[in-house]
Amino acid sequence: RATEPEWETVRRKLDGFSQEGARVRYWIRSADQRFAYGVPLLLEDGW
């Protein structure tokens, strides 16, 4: 997926995999926020 419209399919697919309470989570870090995904887990202090 190399374009912004195609990236929407990535978001939908990862949303489908990341149901509430699921034991697997996904996120994508990118310099361009248009191609970022998800919110990182809230970590304990020092982690």
ModelCIF file with pLDDT and N, C-alpha, C, O atoms, coordinates in Angstrom:
data_MODEL
#
_entry.id   MODEL 
#
_entity.id                         1 
_entity.type                       polymer 
_entity.pdbx_number_of_molecules   1 
#
_entity_poly.entity_id                      1 
_entity_poly.type                           'polypeptide(L)' 
_entity_poly.nstd_linkage                   no 
_entity_poly.nstd_monomer                   no 
_entity_poly.pdbx_seq_one_letter_code       RATEPEWETVRRKLDGFSQEGARVRYWIRSADQRFAYGVPLLLEDGW 
_entity_poly.pdbx_seq_one_letter_code_can   RATEPEWETVRRKLDGFSQEGARVRYWIRSADQRFAYGVPLLLEDGW 
_entity_poly.pdbx_strand_id                 A 
#
loop_
_entity_poly_seq.entity_id 
_entity_poly_seq.num 
_entity_poly_seq.mon_id 
_entity_poly_seq.hetero 
1 1  ARG n 
1 2  ALA n 
1 3  THR n 
1 4  GLU n 
1 5  PRO n 
1 6  GLU n 
1 7  TRP n 
1 8  GLU n 
1 9  THR n 
1 10 VAL n 
1 11 ARG n 
1 12 ARG n 
1 13 LYS n 
1 14 LEU n 
1 15 ASP n 
1 16 GLY n 
1 17 PHE n 
1 18 SER n 
1 19 GLN n 
1 20 GLU n 
1 21 GLY n 
1 22 ALA n 
1 23 ARG n 
1 24 VAL n 
1 25 ARG n 
1 26 TYR n 
1 27 TRP n 
1 28 ILE n 
1 29 ARG n 
1 30 SER n 
1 31 ALA n 
1 32 ASP n 
1 33 GLN n 
1 34 ARG n 
1 35 PHE n 
1 36 ALA n 
1 37 TYR n 
1 38 GLY n 
1 39 VAL n 
1 40 PRO n 
1 41 LEU n 
1 42 LEU n 
1 43 LEU n 
1 44 GLU n 
1 45 ASP n 
1 46 GLY n 
1 47 TRP n 
#
_struct_asym.id          A 
_struct_asym.entity_id   1 
#
loop_
_ma_qa_metric.id 
_ma_qa_metric.mode 
_ma_qa_metric.name 
_ma_qa_metric.software_group_id 
_ma_qa_metric.type 
1 global pLDDT . pLDDT 
2 local  pLDDT . pLDDT 
#
_ma_qa_metric_global.metric_id      1 
_ma_qa_metric_global.metric_value   83.74 
_ma_qa_metric_global.model_id       1 
_ma_qa_metric_global.ordinal_id     1 
#
loop_
_ma_qa_metric_local.label_asym_id 
_ma_qa_metric_local.label_comp_id 
_ma_qa_metric_local.label_seq_id 
_ma_qa_metric_local.metric_id 
_ma_qa_metric_local.metric_value 
_ma_qa_metric_local.model_id 
_ma_qa_metric_local.ordinal_id 
A ARG 1  2 92.00 1 1  
A ALA 2  2 91.00 1 2  
A THR 3  2 92.00 1 3  
A GLU 4  2 90.00 1 4  
A PRO 5  2 91.00 1 5  
A GLU 6  2 92.00 1 6  
A TRP 7  2 91.00 1 7  
A GLU 8  2 92.00 1 8  
A THR 9  2 92.00 1 9  
A VAL 10 2 91.00 1 10 
A ARG 11 2 90.00 1 11 
A ARG 12 2 89.00 1 12 
A LYS 13 2 89.00 1 13 
A LEU 14 2 89.00 1 14 
A ASP 15 2 86.00 1 15 
A GLY 16 2 84.00 1 16 
A PHE 17 2 81.00 1 17 
A SER 18 2 75.00 1 18 
A GLN 19 2 66.00 1 19 
A GLU 20 2 53.00 1 20 
A GLY 21 2 54.00 1 21 
A ALA 22 2 75.00 1 22 
A ARG 23 2 83.00 1 23 
A VAL 24 2 88.00 1 24 
A ARG 25 2 88.00 1 25 
A TYR 26 2 91.00 1 26 
A TRP 27 2 89.00 1 27 
A ILE 28 2 92.00 1 28 
A ARG 29 2 90.00 1 29 
A SER 30 2 91.00 1 30 
A ALA 31 2 90.00 1 31 
A ASP 32 2 91.00 1 32 
A GLN 33 2 90.00 1 33 
A ARG 34 2 91.00 1 34 
A PHE 35 2 93.00 1 35 
A ALA 36 2 91.00 1 36 
A TYR 37 2 91.00 1 37 
A GLY 38 2 84.00 1 38 
A VAL 39 2 77.00 1 39 
A PRO 40 2 74.00 1 40 
A LEU 41 2 72.00 1 41 
A LEU 42 2 72.00 1 42 
A LEU 43 2 73.00 1 43 
A GLU 44 2 70.00 1 44 
A ASP 45 2 73.00 1 45 
A GLY 46 2 72.00 1 46 
A TRP 47 2 75.00 1 47 
#
loop_
_atom_site.group_PDB 
_atom_site.id 
_atom_site.type_symbol 
_atom_site.label_atom_id 
_atom_site.label_alt_id 
_atom_site.label_comp_id 
_atom_site.label_asym_id 
_atom_site.label_entity_id 
_atom_site.label_seq_id 
_atom_site.pdbx_PDB_ins_code 
_atom_site.Cartn_x 
_atom_site.Cartn_y 
_atom_site.Cartn_z 
_atom_site.occupancy 
_atom_site.B_iso_or_equiv 
_atom_site.pdbx_formal_charge 
_atom_site.auth_seq_id 
_atom_site.auth_comp_id 
_atom_site.auth_asym_id 
_atom_site.auth_atom_id 
_atom_site.pdbx_PDB_model_num 
ATOM 1   N N  . ARG A 1 1  ? 0.859   -1.186 0.000  1.00 92.00 ? 1  ARG A N  1 
ATOM 2   C CA . ARG A 1 1  ? 0.000   0.000  0.000  1.00 92.00 ? 1  ARG A CA 1 
ATOM 3   C C  . ARG A 1 1  ? 0.891   1.230  0.000  1.00 92.00 ? 1  ARG A C  1 
ATOM 4   O O  . ARG A 1 1  ? 1.568   1.517  0.987  1.00 92.00 ? 1  ARG A O  1 
ATOM 5   N N  . ALA A 1 2  ? 0.886   1.974  -1.139 1.00 91.00 ? 2  ALA A N  1 
ATOM 6   C CA . ALA A 1 2  ? 1.843   3.063  -1.329 1.00 91.00 ? 2  ALA A CA 1 
ATOM 7   C C  . ALA A 1 2  ? 1.196   4.435  -1.434 1.00 91.00 ? 2  ALA A C  1 
ATOM 8   O O  . ALA A 1 2  ? 1.908   5.436  -1.518 1.00 91.00 ? 2  ALA A O  1 
ATOM 9   N N  . THR A 1 3  ? -0.144  4.516  -1.432 1.00 92.00 ? 3  THR A N  1 
ATOM 10  C CA . THR A 1 3  ? -0.815  5.809  -1.544 1.00 92.00 ? 3  THR A CA 1 
ATOM 11  C C  . THR A 1 3  ? -1.750  5.993  -0.359 1.00 92.00 ? 3  THR A C  1 
ATOM 12  O O  . THR A 1 3  ? -2.087  5.041  0.345  1.00 92.00 ? 3  THR A O  1 
ATOM 13  N N  . GLU A 1 4  ? -2.164  7.245  -0.155 1.00 90.00 ? 4  GLU A N  1 
ATOM 14  C CA . GLU A 1 4  ? -3.031  7.538  0.981  1.00 90.00 ? 4  GLU A CA 1 
ATOM 15  C C  . GLU A 1 4  ? -4.382  6.832  0.875  1.00 90.00 ? 4  GLU A C  1 
ATOM 16  O O  . GLU A 1 4  ? -4.862  6.314  1.883  1.00 90.00 ? 4  GLU A O  1 
ATOM 17  N N  . PRO A 1 5  ? -5.019  6.787  -0.304 1.00 91.00 ? 5  PRO A N  1 
ATOM 18  C CA . PRO A 1 5  ? -6.283  6.018  -0.390 1.00 91.00 ? 5  PRO A CA 1 
ATOM 19  C C  . PRO A 1 5  ? -6.081  4.539  -0.079 1.00 91.00 ? 5  PRO A C  1 
ATOM 20  O O  . PRO A 1 5  ? -6.910  3.918  0.587  1.00 91.00 ? 5  PRO A O  1 
ATOM 21  N N  . GLU A 1 6  ? -4.980  3.983  -0.563 1.00 92.00 ? 6  GLU A N  1 
ATOM 22  C CA . GLU A 1 6  ? -4.708  2.572  -0.261 1.00 92.00 ? 6  GLU A CA 1 
ATOM 23  C C  . GLU A 1 6  ? -4.449  2.369  1.229  1.00 92.00 ? 6  GLU A C  1 
ATOM 24  O O  . GLU A 1 6  ? -4.732  1.304  1.778  1.00 92.00 ? 6  GLU A O  1 
ATOM 25  N N  . TRP A 1 7  ? -3.912  3.394  1.872  1.00 91.00 ? 7  TRP A N  1 
ATOM 26  C CA . TRP A 1 7  ? -3.604  3.264  3.305  1.00 91.00 ? 7  TRP A CA 1 
ATOM 27  C C  . TRP A 1 7  ? -4.872  3.122  4.134  1.00 91.00 ? 7  TRP A C  1 
ATOM 28  O O  . TRP A 1 7  ? -4.845  2.555  5.226  1.00 91.00 ? 7  TRP A O  1 
ATOM 29  N N  . GLU A 1 8  ? -5.968  3.631  3.623  1.00 92.00 ? 8  GLU A N  1 
ATOM 30  C CA . GLU A 1 8  ? -7.232  3.467  4.348  1.00 92.00 ? 8  GLU A CA 1 
ATOM 31  C C  . GLU A 1 8  ? -7.604  1.993  4.463  1.00 92.00 ? 8  GLU A C  1 
ATOM 32  O O  . GLU A 1 8  ? -8.206  1.584  5.456  1.00 92.00 ? 8  GLU A O  1 
ATOM 33  N N  . THR A 1 9  ? -7.255  1.192  3.462  1.00 92.00 ? 9  THR A N  1 
ATOM 34  C CA . THR A 1 9  ? -7.539  -0.249 3.560  1.00 92.00 ? 9  THR A CA 1 
ATOM 35  C C  . THR A 1 9  ? -6.672  -0.883 4.640  1.00 92.00 ? 9  THR A C  1 
ATOM 36  O O  . THR A 1 9  ? -7.089  -1.835 5.300  1.00 92.00 ? 9  THR A O  1 
ATOM 37  N N  . VAL A 1 10 ? -5.452  -0.348 4.821  1.00 91.00 ? 10 VAL A N  1 
ATOM 38  C CA . VAL A 1 10 ? -4.593  -0.840 5.906  1.00 91.00 ? 10 VAL A CA 1 
ATOM 39  C C  . VAL A 1 10 ? -5.245  -0.540 7.243  1.00 91.00 ? 10 VAL A C  1 
ATOM 40  O O  . VAL A 1 10 ? -5.277  -1.402 8.121  1.00 91.00 ? 10 VAL A O  1 
ATOM 41  N N  . ARG A 1 11 ? -5.763  0.665  7.412  1.00 90.00 ? 11 ARG A N  1 
ATOM 42  C CA . ARG A 1 11 ? -6.413  1.035  8.677  1.00 90.00 ? 11 ARG A CA 1 
ATOM 43  C C  . ARG A 1 11 ? -7.610  0.121  8.966  1.00 90.00 ? 11 ARG A C  1 
ATOM 44  O O  . ARG A 1 11 ? -7.782  -0.361 10.085 1.00 90.00 ? 11 ARG A O  1 
ATOM 45  N N  . ARG A 1 12 ? -8.430  -0.107 7.937  1.00 89.00 ? 12 ARG A N  1 
ATOM 46  C CA . ARG A 1 12 ? -9.608  -0.951 8.143  1.00 89.00 ? 12 ARG A CA 1 
ATOM 47  C C  . ARG A 1 12 ? -9.207  -2.390 8.486  1.00 89.00 ? 12 ARG A C  1 
ATOM 48  O O  . ARG A 1 12 ? -9.827  -3.034 9.333  1.00 89.00 ? 12 ARG A O  1 
ATOM 49  N N  . LYS A 1 13 ? -8.177  -2.873 7.824  1.00 89.00 ? 13 LYS A N  1 
ATOM 50  C CA . LYS A 1 13 ? -7.738  -4.245 8.092  1.00 89.00 ? 13 LYS A CA 1 
ATOM 51  C C  . LYS A 1 13 ? -7.200  -4.380 9.508  1.00 89.00 ? 13 LYS A C  1 
ATOM 52  O O  . LYS A 1 13 ? -7.529  -5.336 10.210 1.00 89.00 ? 13 LYS A O  1 
ATOM 53  N N  . LEU A 1 14 ? -6.379  -3.435 9.928  1.00 89.00 ? 14 LEU A N  1 
ATOM 54  C CA . LEU A 1 14 ? -5.828  -3.494 11.286 1.00 89.00 ? 14 LEU A CA 1 
ATOM 55  C C  . LEU A 1 14 ? -6.920  -3.260 12.322 1.00 89.00 ? 14 LEU A C  1 
ATOM 56  O O  . LEU A 1 14 ? -6.872  -3.831 13.411 1.00 89.00 ? 14 LEU A O  1 
ATOM 57  N N  . ASP A 1 15 ? -7.916  -2.414 11.990 1.00 86.00 ? 15 ASP A N  1 
ATOM 58  C CA . ASP A 1 15 ? -9.049  -2.248 12.907 1.00 86.00 ? 15 ASP A CA 1 
ATOM 59  C C  . ASP A 1 15 ? -9.787  -3.565 13.096 1.00 86.00 ? 15 ASP A C  1 
ATOM 60  O O  . ASP A 1 15 ? -10.225 -3.892 14.199 1.00 86.00 ? 15 ASP A O  1 
ATOM 61  N N  . GLY A 1 16 ? -9.921  -4.316 12.005 1.00 84.00 ? 16 GLY A N  1 
ATOM 62  C CA . GLY A 1 16 ? -10.594 -5.603 12.102 1.00 84.00 ? 16 GLY A CA 1 
ATOM 63  C C  . GLY A 1 16 ? -9.829  -6.598 12.952 1.00 84.00 ? 16 GLY A C  1 
ATOM 64  O O  . GLY A 1 16 ? -10.431 -7.410 13.655 1.00 84.00 ? 16 GLY A O  1 
ATOM 65  N N  . PHE A 1 17 ? -8.517  -6.542 12.893 1.00 81.00 ? 17 PHE A N  1 
ATOM 66  C CA . PHE A 1 17 ? -7.692  -7.432 13.714 1.00 81.00 ? 17 PHE A CA 1 
ATOM 67  C C  . PHE A 1 17 ? -7.625  -6.963 15.169 1.00 81.00 ? 17 PHE A C  1 
ATOM 68  O O  . PHE A 1 17 ? -7.451  -7.779 16.074 1.00 81.00 ? 17 PHE A O  1 
ATOM 69  N N  . SER A 1 18 ? -7.763  -5.654 15.399 1.00 75.00 ? 18 SER A N  1 
ATOM 70  C CA . SER A 1 18 ? -7.582  -5.078 16.739 1.00 75.00 ? 18 SER A CA 1 
ATOM 71  C C  . SER A 1 18 ? -8.929  -4.802 17.381 1.00 75.00 ? 18 SER A C  1 
ATOM 72  O O  . SER A 1 18 ? -9.273  -3.643 17.612 1.00 75.00 ? 18 SER A O  1 
ATOM 73  N N  . GLN A 1 19 ? -9.690  -5.828 17.669 1.00 66.00 ? 19 GLN A N  1 
ATOM 74  C CA . GLN A 1 19 ? -10.961 -5.662 18.354 1.00 66.00 ? 19 GLN A CA 1 
ATOM 75  C C  . GLN A 1 19 ? -10.726 -5.299 19.809 1.00 66.00 ? 19 GLN A C  1 
ATOM 76  O O  . GLN A 1 19 ? -9.661  -5.577 20.360 1.00 66.00 ? 19 GLN A O  1 
ATOM 77  N N  . GLU A 1 20 ? -11.723 -4.677 20.432 1.00 53.00 ? 20 GLU A N  1 
ATOM 78  C CA . GLU A 1 20 ? -11.616 -4.276 21.828 1.00 53.00 ? 20 GLU A CA 1 
ATOM 79  C C  . GLU A 1 20 ? -11.349 -5.498 22.713 1.00 53.00 ? 20 GLU A C  1 
ATOM 80  O O  . GLU A 1 20 ? -12.050 -6.506 22.629 1.00 53.00 ? 20 GLU A O  1 
ATOM 81  N N  . GLY A 1 21 ? -10.334 -5.388 23.550 1.00 54.00 ? 21 GLY A N  1 
ATOM 82  C CA . GLY A 1 21 ? -9.981  -6.480 24.447 1.00 54.00 ? 21 GLY A CA 1 
ATOM 83  C C  . GLY A 1 21 ? -9.149  -7.555 23.802 1.00 54.00 ? 21 GLY A C  1 
ATOM 84  O O  . GLY A 1 21 ? -8.843  -8.561 24.443 1.00 54.00 ? 21 GLY A O  1 
ATOM 85  N N  . ALA A 1 22 ? -8.770  -7.373 22.541 1.00 75.00 ? 22 ALA A N  1 
ATOM 86  C CA . ALA A 1 22 ? -7.972  -8.391 21.857 1.00 75.00 ? 22 ALA A CA 1 
ATOM 87  C C  . ALA A 1 22 ? -6.591  -8.480 22.490 1.00 75.00 ? 22 ALA A C  1 
ATOM 88  O O  . ALA A 1 22 ? -6.086  -7.506 23.048 1.00 75.00 ? 22 ALA A O  1 
ATOM 89  N N  . ARG A 1 23 ? -5.993  -9.648 22.397 1.00 83.00 ? 23 ARG A N  1 
ATOM 90  C CA . ARG A 1 23 ? -4.675  -9.850 22.992 1.00 83.00 ? 23 ARG A CA 1 
ATOM 91  C C  . ARG A 1 23 ? -3.547  -9.465 22.057 1.00 83.00 ? 23 ARG A C  1 
ATOM 92  O O  . ARG A 1 23 ? -2.378  -9.571 22.425 1.00 83.00 ? 23 ARG A O  1 
ATOM 93  N N  . VAL A 1 24 ? -3.879  -9.014 20.841 1.00 88.00 ? 24 VAL A N  1 
ATOM 94  C CA . VAL A 1 24 ? -2.880  -8.541 19.890 1.00 88.00 ? 24 VAL A CA 1 
ATOM 95  C C  . VAL A 1 24 ? -3.232  -7.111 19.488 1.00 88.00 ? 24 VAL A C  1 
ATOM 96  O O  . VAL A 1 24 ? -4.370  -6.821 19.120 1.00 88.00 ? 24 VAL A O  1 
ATOM 97  N N  . ARG A 1 25 ? -2.257  -6.237 19.561 1.00 88.00 ? 25 ARG A N  1 
ATOM 98  C CA . ARG A 1 25 ? -2.445  -4.839 19.161 1.00 88.00 ? 25 ARG A CA 1 
ATOM 99  C C  . ARG A 1 25 ? -1.411  -4.475 18.102 1.00 88.00 ? 25 ARG A C  1 
ATOM 100 O O  . ARG A 1 25 ? -0.328  -5.056 18.033 1.00 88.00 ? 25 ARG A O  1 
ATOM 101 N N  . TYR A 1 26 ? -1.781  -3.491 17.274 1.00 91.00 ? 26 TYR A N  1 
ATOM 102 C CA . TYR A 1 26 ? -0.893  -3.047 16.198 1.00 91.00 ? 26 TYR A CA 1 
ATOM 103 C C  . TYR A 1 26 ? -0.792  -1.524 16.232 1.00 91.00 ? 26 TYR A C  1 
ATOM 104 O O  . TYR A 1 26 ? -1.762  -0.832 16.542 1.00 91.00 ? 26 TYR A O  1 
ATOM 105 N N  . TRP A 1 27 ? 0.371   -1.021 15.914 1.00 89.00 ? 27 TRP A N  1 
ATOM 106 C CA . TRP A 1 27 ? 0.485   0.399  15.601 1.00 89.00 ? 27 TRP A CA 1 
ATOM 107 C C  . TRP A 1 27 ? 1.663   0.618  14.660 1.00 89.00 ? 27 TRP A C  1 
ATOM 108 O O  . TRP A 1 27 ? 2.605   -0.172 14.594 1.00 89.00 ? 27 TRP A O  1 
ATOM 109 N N  . ILE A 1 28 ? 1.562   1.731  13.933 1.00 92.00 ? 28 ILE A N  1 
ATOM 110 C CA . ILE A 1 28 ? 2.552   2.058  12.917 1.00 92.00 ? 28 ILE A CA 1 
ATOM 111 C C  . ILE A 1 28 ? 3.065   3.465  13.191 1.00 92.00 ? 28 ILE A C  1 
ATOM 112 O O  . ILE A 1 28 ? 2.282   4.406  13.319 1.00 92.00 ? 28 ILE A O  1 
ATOM 113 N N  . ARG A 1 29 ? 4.365   3.601  13.277 1.00 90.00 ? 29 ARG A N  1 
ATOM 114 C CA . ARG A 1 29 ? 4.983   4.903  13.485 1.00 90.00 ? 29 ARG A CA 1 
ATOM 115 C C  . ARG A 1 29 ? 5.573   5.393  12.159 1.00 90.00 ? 29 ARG A C  1 
ATOM 116 O O  . ARG A 1 29 ? 6.251   4.657  11.441 1.00 90.00 ? 29 ARG A O  1 
ATOM 117 N N  . SER A 1 30 ? 5.288   6.659  11.869 1.00 91.00 ? 30 SER A N  1 
ATOM 118 C CA . SER A 1 30 ? 5.730   7.223  10.596 1.00 91.00 ? 30 SER A CA 1 
ATOM 119 C C  . SER A 1 30 ? 5.999   8.706  10.764 1.00 91.00 ? 30 SER A C  1 
ATOM 120 O O  . SER A 1 30 ? 5.344   9.382  11.558 1.00 91.00 ? 30 SER A O  1 
ATOM 121 N N  . ALA A 1 31 ? 6.973   9.210  10.006 1.00 90.00 ? 31 ALA A N  1 
ATOM 122 C CA . ALA A 1 31 ? 7.244   10.646 10.016 1.00 90.00 ? 31 ALA A CA 1 
ATOM 123 C C  . ALA A 1 31 ? 6.074   11.422 9.412  1.00 90.00 ? 31 ALA A C  1 
ATOM 124 O O  . ALA A 1 31 ? 5.859   12.585 9.754  1.00 90.00 ? 31 ALA A O  1 
ATOM 125 N N  . ASP A 1 32 ? 5.333   10.797 8.535  1.00 91.00 ? 32 ASP A N  1 
ATOM 126 C CA . ASP A 1 32 ? 4.144   11.387 7.923  1.00 91.00 ? 32 ASP A CA 1 
ATOM 127 C C  . ASP A 1 32 ? 2.917   10.794 8.613  1.00 91.00 ? 32 ASP A C  1 
ATOM 128 O O  . ASP A 1 32 ? 2.622   9.610  8.447  1.00 91.00 ? 32 ASP A O  1 
ATOM 129 N N  . GLN A 1 33 ? 2.211   11.606 9.377  1.00 90.00 ? 33 GLN A N  1 
ATOM 130 C CA . GLN A 1 33 ? 1.094   11.112 10.171 1.00 90.00 ? 33 GLN A CA 1 
ATOM 131 C C  . GLN A 1 33 ? -0.047  10.559 9.324  1.00 90.00 ? 33 GLN A C  1 
ATOM 132 O O  . GLN A 1 33 ? -0.911  9.851  9.841  1.00 90.00 ? 33 GLN A O  1 
ATOM 133 N N  . ARG A 1 34 ? -0.061  10.870 8.048  1.00 91.00 ? 34 ARG A N  1 
ATOM 134 C CA . ARG A 1 34 ? -1.077  10.286 7.186  1.00 91.00 ? 34 ARG A CA 1 
ATOM 135 C C  . ARG A 1 34 ? -0.914  8.765  7.096  1.00 91.00 ? 34 ARG A C  1 
ATOM 136 O O  . ARG A 1 34 ? -1.872  8.043  6.821  1.00 91.00 ? 34 ARG A O  1 
ATOM 137 N N  . PHE A 1 35 ? 0.305   8.295  7.330  1.00 93.00 ? 35 PHE A N  1 
ATOM 138 C CA . PHE A 1 35 ? 0.594   6.866  7.220  1.00 93.00 ? 35 PHE A CA 1 
ATOM 139 C C  . PHE A 1 35 ? 0.924   6.240  8.585  1.00 93.00 ? 35 PHE A C  1 
ATOM 140 O O  . PHE A 1 35 ? 1.580   5.200  8.655  1.00 93.00 ? 35 PHE A O  1 
ATOM 141 N N  . ALA A 1 36 ? 0.467   6.878  9.655  1.00 91.00 ? 36 ALA A N  1 
ATOM 142 C CA . ALA A 1 36 ? 0.600   6.329  11.008 1.00 91.00 ? 36 ALA A CA 1 
ATOM 143 C C  . ALA A 1 36 ? -0.693  5.598  11.359 1.00 91.00 ? 36 ALA A C  1 
ATOM 144 O O  . ALA A 1 36 ? -1.734  5.797  10.733 1.00 91.00 ? 36 ALA A O  1 
ATOM 145 N N  . TYR A 1 37 ? -0.595  4.758  12.367 1.00 91.00 ? 37 TYR A N  1 
ATOM 146 C CA . TYR A 1 37 ? -1.790  4.017  12.789 1.00 91.00 ? 37 TYR A CA 1 
ATOM 147 C C  . TYR A 1 37 ? -1.675  3.673  14.261 1.00 91.00 ? 37 TYR A C  1 
ATOM 148 O O  . TYR A 1 37 ? -0.606  3.332  14.768 1.00 91.00 ? 37 TYR A O  1 
ATOM 149 N N  . GLY A 1 38 ? -2.831  3.776  14.936 1.00 84.00 ? 38 GLY A N  1 
ATOM 150 C CA . GLY A 1 38 ? -2.949  3.277  16.297 1.00 84.00 ? 38 GLY A CA 1 
ATOM 151 C C  . GLY A 1 38 ? -2.349  4.191  17.343 1.00 84.00 ? 38 GLY A C  1 
ATOM 152 O O  . GLY A 1 38 ? -1.608  5.126  17.044 1.00 84.00 ? 38 GLY A O  1 
ATOM 153 N N  . VAL A 1 39 ? -2.701  3.882  18.593 1.00 77.00 ? 39 VAL A N  1 
ATOM 154 C CA . VAL A 1 39 ? -2.179  4.599  19.759 1.00 77.00 ? 39 VAL A CA 1 
ATOM 155 C C  . VAL A 1 39 ? -1.366  3.616  20.578 1.00 77.00 ? 39 VAL A C  1 
ATOM 156 O O  . VAL A 1 39 ? -1.880  2.566  20.964 1.00 77.00 ? 39 VAL A O  1 
ATOM 157 N N  . PRO A 1 40 ? -0.099  3.933  20.855 1.00 74.00 ? 40 PRO A N  1 
ATOM 158 C CA . PRO A 1 40 ? 0.722   3.010  21.642 1.00 74.00 ? 40 PRO A CA 1 
ATOM 159 C C  . PRO A 1 40 ? 0.102   2.727  23.006 1.00 74.00 ? 40 PRO A C  1 
ATOM 160 O O  . PRO A 1 40 ? -0.620  3.559  23.555 1.00 74.00 ? 40 PRO A O  1 
ATOM 161 N N  . LEU A 1 41 ? 0.387   1.562  23.538 1.00 72.00 ? 41 LEU A N  1 
ATOM 162 C CA . LEU A 1 41 ? -0.123  1.177  24.850 1.00 72.00 ? 41 LEU A CA 1 
ATOM 163 C C  . LEU A 1 41 ? 0.434   2.100  25.928 1.00 72.00 ? 41 LEU A C  1 
ATOM 164 O O  . LEU A 1 41 ? 1.561   2.585  25.832 1.00 72.00 ? 41 LEU A O  1 
ATOM 165 N N  . LEU A 1 42 ? -0.383  2.333  26.957 1.00 72.00 ? 42 LEU A N  1 
ATOM 166 C CA . LEU A 1 42 ? 0.035   3.170  28.072 1.00 72.00 ? 42 LEU A CA 1 
ATOM 167 C C  . LEU A 1 42 ? 0.959   2.352  28.977 1.00 72.00 ? 42 LEU A C  1 
ATOM 168 O O  . LEU A 1 42 ? 0.529   1.383  29.603 1.00 72.00 ? 42 LEU A O  1 
ATOM 169 N N  . LEU A 1 43 ? 2.230   2.752  29.040 1.00 73.00 ? 43 LEU A N  1 
ATOM 170 C CA . LEU A 1 43 ? 3.233   1.965  29.731 1.00 73.00 ? 43 LEU A CA 1 
ATOM 171 C C  . LEU A 1 43 ? 3.416   2.428  31.175 1.00 73.00 ? 43 LEU A C  1 
ATOM 172 O O  . LEU A 1 43 ? 3.131   3.574  31.523 1.00 73.00 ? 43 LEU A O  1 
ATOM 173 N N  . GLU A 1 44 ? 3.897   1.509  31.998 1.00 70.00 ? 44 GLU A N  1 
ATOM 174 C CA . GLU A 1 44 ? 4.263   1.841  33.363 1.00 70.00 ? 44 GLU A CA 1 
ATOM 175 C C  . GLU A 1 44 ? 5.456   2.794  33.339 1.00 70.00 ? 44 GLU A C  1 
ATOM 176 O O  . GLU A 1 44 ? 6.223   2.829  32.377 1.00 70.00 ? 44 GLU A O  1 
ATOM 177 N N  . ASP A 1 45 ? 5.595   3.568  34.424 1.00 73.00 ? 45 ASP A N  1 
ATOM 178 C CA . ASP A 1 45 ? 6.719   4.497  34.526 1.00 73.00 ? 45 ASP A CA 1 
ATOM 179 C C  . ASP A 1 45 ? 8.040   3.739  34.430 1.00 73.00 ? 45 ASP A C  1 
ATOM 180 O O  . ASP A 1 45 ? 8.212   2.691  35.053 1.00 73.00 ? 45 ASP A O  1 
ATOM 181 N N  . GLY A 1 46 ? 8.959   4.272  33.652 1.00 72.00 ? 46 GLY A N  1 
ATOM 182 C CA . GLY A 1 46 ? 10.275  3.655  33.504 1.00 72.00 ? 46 GLY A CA 1 
ATOM 183 C C  . GLY A 1 46 ? 10.363  2.663  32.365 1.00 72.00 ? 46 GLY A C  1 
ATOM 184 O O  . GLY A 1 46 ? 11.446  2.162  32.063 1.00 72.00 ? 46 GLY A O  1 
ATOM 185 N N  . TRP A 1 47 ? 9.235   2.369  31.725 1.00 75.00 ? 47 TRP A N  1 
ATOM 186 C CA . TRP A 1 47 ? 9.229   1.426  30.597 1.00 75.00 ? 47 TRP A CA 1 
ATOM 187 C C  . TRP A 1 47 ? 9.082   2.204  29.285 1.00 75.00 ? 47 TRP A C  1 
ATOM 188 O O  . TRP A 1 47 ? 9.054   1.603  28.211 1.00 75.00 ? 47 TRP A O  1 
#
